[in-house]
């Protein structure tokens, strides 16, 4: 609200409300509390099922959404550009639209998504469990996937402007959105020692081999895709691999 001091002691803030949505009702759910000291140091044991580390997963989702918000703000995705905030302190753009980030969402598996309405209406990030391993792996702990999904919100609000978020719905434009989101995922998770010829993957926690058909690389034997491949594709993620 612009006044010093926290309005909440759980995972709610100006940029994102993060909560579990195991029952898939999109109405909010459990949020871990940091108490008066705002201490969100929760345990994590990856040998246990994701339900055992729910507080950690929600905290991670909340934290990373805030980090991404701040970095994108620095590079121009600010209030006037239609970013995601409850209160717009500059008086530009429309507020009342922090990201609603649903952890361990029960409406799907092996996936994630980001729904982007026009400026002034809450977007929703839905993070799911991945059931290809035992115990299941939690998308909330995969920075690359969270970054990818948030990237959709940025490209949807910027491409047509904050009041027109439906510009990326055809196969080519949708594929561009997927490619941009993979690009952001790779950029934000890059290490200083990485070089272009390295094999880089998206979703490497939920799937050590990555969730794309080949790793990203400038080394053609690793990643042989060129723009000529697009003419034979009719699925947005496949097109996105070429753009990224």
Protein backbone atom coordinates (compact mmCIF):
# COMPACT_ATOMS: atom_id res chain seq x y z
CA UNK A 1 0.00 0.00 0.00
CA UNK A 2 3.03 2.30 -0.21
CA UNK A 3 3.38 2.53 3.57
CA UNK A 4 6.41 1.03 5.28
CA UNK A 5 5.83 -2.40 6.77
CA UNK A 6 4.38 -5.66 5.55
CA UNK A 7 0.65 -5.98 4.88
CA UNK A 8 0.89 -9.79 5.15
CA UNK A 9 3.09 -12.32 6.89
CA UNK A 10 2.40 -15.07 4.33
CA UNK A 11 3.20 -15.42 0.61
CA UNK A 12 1.23 -12.40 -0.55
CA UNK A 13 2.78 -9.17 -1.76
CA UNK A 14 2.39 -6.40 -4.28
CA UNK A 15 3.62 -8.49 -7.22
CA UNK A 16 2.31 -11.99 -6.55
CA UNK A 17 -0.03 -14.01 -4.35
CA UNK A 18 1.32 -17.58 -4.11
CA UNK A 19 -0.69 -20.47 -2.66
CA UNK A 20 -1.41 -24.16 -3.15
CA UNK A 21 -4.31 -25.18 -5.36
CA UNK A 22 -4.41 -28.94 -4.99
CA UNK A 23 -8.20 -28.92 -5.33
CA UNK A 24 -7.93 -26.89 -8.58
CA UNK A 25 -10.62 -24.36 -7.65
CA UNK A 26 -8.58 -21.20 -8.36
CA UNK A 27 -9.86 -19.51 -5.19
CA UNK A 28 -6.71 -19.49 -3.10
CA UNK A 29 -5.47 -22.11 -0.72
CA UNK A 30 -2.82 -22.73 1.90
CA UNK A 31 -0.09 -20.09 2.17
CA UNK A 32 2.90 -20.59 4.48
CA UNK A 33 3.45 -17.94 7.14
CA UNK A 34 6.77 -16.40 8.03
CA UNK A 35 5.40 -15.00 11.28
CA UNK A 36 6.20 -11.56 12.60
CA UNK A 37 9.87 -11.99 11.70
CA UNK A 38 9.01 -13.00 8.09
CA UNK A 39 11.19 -16.10 8.36
CA UNK A 40 10.28 -18.43 5.48
CA UNK A 41 13.00 -21.02 6.10
CA UNK A 42 11.19 -24.34 5.56
CA UNK A 43 12.64 -27.86 5.18
CA UNK A 44 13.11 -29.66 1.87
CA UNK A 45 13.56 -33.41 1.49
CA UNK A 46 13.39 -34.47 -2.15
CA UNK A 47 13.06 -38.13 -1.17
CA UNK A 48 9.56 -37.32 0.08
CA UNK A 49 6.42 -36.66 -1.95
CA UNK A 50 5.87 -32.99 -2.94
CA UNK A 51 3.07 -32.68 -0.39
CA UNK A 52 5.74 -32.98 2.33
CA UNK A 53 7.47 -29.77 1.22
CA UNK A 54 4.46 -27.67 0.26
CA UNK A 55 5.57 -24.64 2.29
CA UNK A 56 8.98 -24.69 0.64
CA UNK A 57 7.48 -25.00 -2.85
CA UNK A 58 5.08 -22.09 -2.34
CA UNK A 59 7.84 -19.93 -0.87
CA UNK A 60 10.07 -20.71 -3.85
CA UNK A 61 7.28 -19.85 -6.29
CA UNK A 62 6.60 -16.59 -4.45
CA UNK A 63 10.27 -15.62 -4.25
CA UNK A 64 11.09 -16.28 -7.90
CA UNK A 65 8.01 -14.44 -9.18
CA UNK A 66 9.20 -11.39 -7.22
CA UNK A 67 12.75 -11.65 -8.56
CA UNK A 68 11.52 -11.93 -12.16
CA UNK A 69 9.13 -9.00 -11.65
CA UNK A 70 11.97 -6.79 -10.45
CA UNK A 71 14.40 -7.67 -13.23
CA UNK A 72 11.81 -7.22 -15.98
CA UNK A 73 10.81 -3.90 -14.38
CA UNK A 74 14.42 -2.77 -14.63
CA UNK A 75 14.44 -3.55 -18.36
CA UNK A 76 11.15 -1.81 -19.17
CA UNK A 77 8.24 -4.07 -18.20
CA UNK A 78 7.03 -1.47 -15.72
CA UNK A 79 3.65 -0.14 -14.61
CA UNK A 80 3.04 1.87 -17.78
CA UNK A 81 3.88 -1.20 -19.87
CA UNK A 82 1.25 -3.29 -18.07
CA UNK A 83 3.20 -5.27 -15.52
CA UNK A 84 1.67 -7.29 -12.68
CA UNK A 85 1.11 -5.31 -9.45
CA UNK A 86 -1.64 -4.75 -6.90
CA UNK A 87 -0.65 -1.09 -6.46
CA UNK A 88 0.97 0.93 -9.24
CA UNK A 89 3.05 3.46 -7.34
CA UNK A 90 3.70 5.71 -10.36
CA UNK A 91 0.02 6.13 -11.11
CA UNK A 92 0.53 4.77 -14.63
CA UNK A 93 -1.07 1.63 -16.00
CA UNK A 94 -3.71 -0.33 -14.11
CA UNK A 95 -3.17 -2.03 -10.75
CA UNK A 96 -5.15 -4.78 -9.03
CA UNK A 97 -3.40 -7.48 -11.05
CA UNK A 98 -0.65 -9.29 -9.13
CA UNK A 99 0.19 -12.77 -10.41
CA UNK A 100 -1.98 -15.47 -8.84
CA UNK A 101 0.62 -18.24 -8.61
CA UNK A 102 -0.91 -21.64 -7.85
CA UNK A 103 1.54 -24.23 -6.54
CA UNK A 104 1.00 -27.99 -6.84
CA UNK A 105 -2.15 -27.26 -8.85
CA UNK A 106 -4.40 -30.32 -9.08
CA UNK A 107 -5.96 -29.58 -12.48
CA UNK A 108 -3.21 -31.20 -14.57
CA UNK A 109 0.16 -32.98 -14.48
CA UNK A 110 3.41 -32.75 -16.46
CA UNK A 111 2.71 -29.20 -17.54
CA UNK A 112 2.45 -25.53 -16.48
CA UNK A 113 0.68 -22.48 -17.88
CA UNK A 114 0.22 -18.73 -17.56
CA UNK A 115 -3.10 -17.03 -18.35
CA UNK A 116 -2.69 -13.36 -19.27
CA UNK A 117 -5.79 -11.11 -19.30
CA UNK A 118 -5.49 -7.39 -20.10
CA UNK A 119 -3.88 -4.94 -17.68
CA UNK A 120 -5.90 -4.52 -14.50
CA UNK A 121 -7.06 -8.15 -14.28
CA UNK A 122 -5.14 -10.84 -12.37
CA UNK A 123 -3.04 -13.25 -14.43
CA UNK A 124 -2.78 -16.83 -13.20
CA UNK A 125 0.29 -19.06 -13.16
CA UNK A 126 -0.49 -22.75 -12.67
CA UNK A 127 2.35 -25.05 -11.69
CA UNK A 128 1.80 -28.81 -11.74
CA UNK A 129 3.45 -31.98 -10.50
CA UNK A 130 5.39 -34.22 -12.89
CA UNK A 131 4.61 -37.90 -12.39
CA UNK A 132 7.32 -39.52 -14.49
CA UNK A 133 9.45 -40.12 -11.39
CA UNK A 134 8.83 -41.56 -7.93
CA UNK A 135 8.34 -39.52 -5.90
CA UNK A 136 6.73 -37.01 -8.22
CA UNK A 137 8.75 -33.91 -9.05
CA UNK A 138 7.32 -30.48 -8.35
CA UNK A 139 7.30 -27.86 -11.11
CA UNK A 140 7.45 -25.20 -8.40
CA UNK A 141 11.07 -26.21 -7.79
CA UNK A 142 12.06 -25.87 -11.46
CA UNK A 143 13.25 -22.30 -12.02
CA UNK A 144 13.38 -22.78 -15.78
CA UNK A 145 9.68 -23.62 -16.01
CA UNK A 146 8.60 -20.76 -13.73
CA UNK A 147 10.69 -18.36 -15.83
CA UNK A 148 9.19 -19.72 -19.04
CA UNK A 149 5.64 -19.22 -17.79
CA UNK A 150 6.24 -15.71 -16.48
CA UNK A 151 7.76 -14.89 -19.86
CA UNK A 152 4.38 -15.57 -21.46
CA UNK A 153 2.87 -12.86 -19.29
CA UNK A 154 5.53 -10.40 -20.41
CA UNK A 155 5.25 -11.14 -24.14
CA UNK A 156 1.44 -11.21 -24.05
CA UNK A 157 1.25 -7.78 -22.37
CA UNK A 158 3.97 -6.20 -24.51
CA UNK A 159 3.27 -7.46 -28.04
CA UNK A 160 -0.11 -5.79 -28.52
CA UNK A 161 0.07 -3.45 -25.56
CA UNK A 162 -1.31 -3.96 -22.06
CA UNK A 163 -4.97 -3.86 -23.11
CA UNK A 164 -4.59 -6.33 -26.00
CA UNK A 165 -3.18 -9.65 -24.82
CA UNK A 166 -4.46 -11.89 -27.64
CA UNK A 167 -1.86 -11.15 -30.33
CA UNK A 168 -0.02 -14.46 -30.01
CA UNK A 169 -2.75 -16.97 -30.81
CA UNK A 170 -1.88 -18.18 -34.32
CA UNK A 171 0.56 -21.03 -34.88
CA UNK A 172 3.49 -18.81 -35.88
CA UNK A 173 2.93 -16.06 -33.30
CA UNK A 174 2.12 -18.59 -30.58
CA UNK A 175 5.35 -20.36 -31.44
CA UNK A 176 7.23 -17.09 -31.16
CA UNK A 177 5.80 -16.66 -27.66
CA UNK A 178 6.97 -20.16 -26.74
CA UNK A 179 10.42 -19.45 -28.13
CA UNK A 180 10.75 -16.15 -26.30
CA UNK A 181 9.76 -17.86 -23.04
CA UNK A 182 12.38 -20.58 -23.54
CA UNK A 183 14.92 -17.85 -24.30
CA UNK A 184 14.13 -16.10 -21.01
CA UNK A 185 14.42 -19.43 -19.20
CA UNK A 186 17.90 -19.95 -20.65
CA UNK A 187 19.02 -16.37 -19.99
CA UNK A 188 17.91 -16.23 -16.36
CA UNK A 189 19.47 -19.61 -15.52
CA UNK A 190 22.76 -19.07 -17.39
CA UNK A 191 26.01 -19.36 -15.48
CA UNK A 192 28.98 -17.10 -16.16
CA UNK A 193 30.91 -20.09 -17.52
CA UNK A 194 28.28 -21.07 -20.12
CA UNK A 195 29.07 -20.68 -23.81
CA UNK A 196 26.79 -20.90 -26.84
CA UNK A 197 27.99 -24.32 -27.94
CA UNK A 198 27.00 -25.89 -24.60
CA UNK A 199 23.87 -28.06 -24.48
CA UNK A 200 21.26 -26.16 -22.46
CA UNK A 201 17.85 -27.50 -21.49
CA UNK A 202 14.55 -26.16 -20.18
CA UNK A 203 12.86 -28.04 -17.34
CA UNK A 204 15.99 -29.87 -16.28
CA UNK A 205 14.72 -30.56 -12.75
CA UNK A 206 11.45 -32.20 -13.71
CA UNK A 207 13.24 -34.04 -16.55
CA UNK A 208 17.06 -34.22 -16.53
CA UNK A 209 16.99 -34.44 -20.33
CA UNK A 210 14.85 -31.33 -20.62
CA UNK A 211 11.29 -30.99 -21.86
CA UNK A 212 12.16 -30.07 -25.47
CA UNK A 213 12.99 -32.46 -28.31
CA UNK A 214 16.68 -31.44 -28.36
CA UNK A 215 18.86 -29.30 -26.09
CA UNK A 216 19.52 -25.72 -27.13
CA UNK A 217 22.99 -25.07 -28.55
CA UNK A 218 24.80 -23.23 -31.33
CA UNK A 219 26.52 -26.57 -31.99
CA UNK A 220 24.56 -27.95 -34.95
CA UNK A 221 25.14 -31.65 -34.16
CA UNK A 222 23.46 -30.98 -30.78
CA UNK A 223 20.70 -28.65 -32.03
CA UNK A 224 20.26 -28.99 -35.81
CA UNK A 225 17.09 -26.89 -36.13
CA UNK A 226 16.97 -24.05 -38.65
CA UNK A 227 14.15 -21.77 -39.75
CA UNK A 228 13.46 -24.08 -42.68
CA UNK A 229 11.96 -26.55 -40.20
CA UNK A 230 9.10 -24.20 -39.35
CA UNK A 231 7.24 -24.86 -42.62
CA UNK A 232 6.56 -28.46 -41.57
CA UNK A 233 5.41 -27.70 -38.01
CA UNK A 234 1.89 -27.21 -36.65
CA UNK A 235 2.49 -27.28 -32.87
CA UNK A 236 3.46 -24.12 -31.02
CA UNK A 237 6.16 -25.64 -28.79
CA UNK A 238 7.85 -27.20 -31.83
CA UNK A 239 7.82 -23.81 -33.57
CA UNK A 240 9.10 -22.26 -30.35
CA UNK A 241 12.17 -24.51 -30.36
CA UNK A 242 13.18 -22.97 -33.68
CA UNK A 243 12.63 -19.39 -32.54
CA UNK A 244 14.49 -19.89 -29.25
